[in-house]
Amino acid sequence: MEKQEKEHIGQATSEQVKAWKNQYRRVCEVEVEEEDRVYHGYFHTPTISTLKAMGKVGQKDEIEAAEIMVKNCWIGGSEVMKTDGYLFLKMVEQLAKLTGESHARLKNL
């Protein structure tokens, strides 16, 4: 049985990713694999105004908060990830990890 190559939808070039990094500083890629396809979405970290908007609705409606994040942080990729329920859910699960990757420390001097 031969292994079939998966179709990559919305995958950015390395030049595009470099340009985004210069523009946004930190860029993340979310890949969602589904049968014979891999969907790619690219995001920058949320701004303070995006975090505020998410916080206002997040307690009542987590999906709406996720939509706000996607709408404001999306920089490219497969547009279907924003409209297909399954792809959206899987994408948001990964985006939730975005804030957990950085660590801060307070030191009394």
Protein backbone atom coordinates (compact mmCIF):
# COMPACT_ATOMS: atom_id res chain seq x y z
CA MET A 1 0.00 0.00 0.00
CA GLU A 2 1.51 3.29 -1.12
CA LYS A 3 1.45 6.30 1.15
CA GLN A 4 -0.38 9.12 -0.60
CA GLU A 5 1.02 12.64 -0.37
CA LYS A 6 -1.36 15.01 1.41
CA GLU A 7 -2.57 18.19 -0.25
CA HIS A 8 -1.46 21.32 1.62
CA ILE A 9 -4.02 24.11 1.50
CA GLY A 10 -3.07 27.67 2.37
CA GLN A 11 0.59 26.94 3.08
CA ALA A 12 2.74 30.08 3.01
CA THR A 13 6.15 30.32 1.43
CA SER A 14 9.22 30.82 3.62
CA GLU A 15 9.55 34.32 2.13
CA GLN A 16 6.00 35.18 3.20
CA VAL A 17 6.59 33.89 6.72
CA LYS A 18 9.78 35.97 6.96
CA ALA A 19 7.87 39.08 5.83
CA TRP A 20 5.14 38.42 8.41
CA LYS A 21 7.76 37.99 11.15
CA ASN A 22 9.28 41.34 10.22
CA GLN A 23 5.83 42.94 10.33
CA TYR A 24 4.33 41.24 13.41
CA ARG A 25 7.41 40.00 15.33
CA ARG A 26 5.83 36.69 16.40
CA VAL A 27 3.98 34.48 13.92
CA CYS A 28 2.35 31.11 14.60
CA GLU A 29 1.18 28.46 12.18
CA VAL A 30 -1.73 26.14 12.92
CA GLU A 31 -2.01 22.97 10.86
CA VAL A 32 -5.21 20.94 10.85
CA GLU A 33 -4.97 17.54 9.21
CA GLU A 34 -8.08 15.98 7.73
CA GLU A 35 -7.89 12.75 5.72
CA ASP A 36 -5.86 13.61 2.60
CA ARG A 37 -5.49 17.35 3.28
CA VAL A 38 -3.55 19.61 5.62
CA TYR A 39 -4.97 23.11 6.16
CA HIS A 40 -2.64 25.92 7.24
CA GLY A 41 -3.52 29.10 9.10
CA TYR A 42 -1.13 31.86 10.20
CA PHE A 43 -1.59 34.22 13.14
CA HIS A 44 0.17 37.01 14.96
CA THR A 45 -0.12 37.40 18.72
CA PRO A 46 -3.17 39.33 19.92
CA THR A 47 -2.99 43.04 20.66
CA ILE A 48 -4.23 44.46 23.95
CA SER A 49 -7.42 45.69 22.27
CA THR A 50 -8.07 42.18 20.91
CA LEU A 51 -7.53 40.70 24.38
CA LYS A 52 -9.95 43.24 25.85
CA ALA A 53 -12.61 42.40 23.27
CA MET A 54 -12.13 38.68 23.90
CA GLY A 55 -12.37 39.22 27.66
CA LYS A 56 -15.67 41.07 27.37
CA VAL A 57 -17.42 38.15 25.69
CA GLY A 58 -15.26 35.20 26.78
CA GLN A 59 -17.12 34.45 30.02
CA LYS A 60 -20.45 34.21 28.20
CA ASP A 61 -19.50 32.84 24.80
CA GLU A 62 -16.16 31.12 24.22
CA ILE A 63 -16.84 30.61 20.52
CA GLU A 64 -17.44 34.33 19.99
CA ALA A 65 -14.22 35.10 21.86
CA ALA A 66 -12.39 32.67 19.58
CA GLU A 67 -13.96 34.32 16.52
CA ILE A 68 -12.67 37.68 17.73
CA MET A 69 -9.17 36.27 18.09
CA VAL A 70 -9.22 34.65 14.67
CA LYS A 71 -10.66 37.75 13.01
CA ASN A 72 -8.06 40.06 14.57
CA CYS A 73 -4.96 37.84 14.52
CA TRP A 74 -5.37 36.01 11.18
CA ILE A 75 -2.70 36.96 8.64
CA GLY A 76 -3.07 34.24 6.02
CA GLY A 77 -3.71 30.66 5.08
CA SER A 78 -6.71 28.58 4.11
CA GLU A 79 -9.84 30.71 4.49
CA VAL A 80 -12.01 27.62 4.95
CA MET A 81 -10.48 27.22 8.42
CA LYS A 82 -12.48 30.26 9.51
CA THR A 83 -15.84 28.94 8.30
CA ASP A 84 -15.80 25.14 8.60
CA GLY A 85 -16.91 24.19 12.12
CA TYR A 86 -14.59 21.20 12.55
CA LEU A 87 -11.52 23.01 11.19
CA PHE A 88 -12.36 26.11 13.25
CA LEU A 89 -12.65 24.09 16.47
CA LYS A 90 -9.35 22.28 15.91
CA MET A 91 -7.63 25.55 15.00
CA VAL A 92 -8.92 27.29 18.14
CA GLU A 93 -7.76 24.41 20.33
CA GLN A 94 -4.22 25.10 19.13
CA LEU A 95 -4.54 28.89 19.39
CA ALA A 96 -5.46 28.52 23.06
CA LYS A 97 -1.89 27.36 23.62
CA LEU A 98 -0.52 30.63 22.23
CA THR A 99 -0.63 32.48 25.54
CA GLY A 100 0.80 29.55 27.47
CA GLU A 101 4.11 29.49 25.58
CA SER A 102 5.61 32.62 27.14
CA HIS A 103 6.75 32.95 30.71
CA ALA A 104 7.02 36.10 32.79
CA ARG A 105 8.82 36.68 36.05
CA LEU A 106 8.68 39.43 38.65
CA LYS A 107 11.79 40.22 40.68
CA ASN A 108 11.98 42.44 43.71
CA LEU A 109 15.17 44.46 43.52
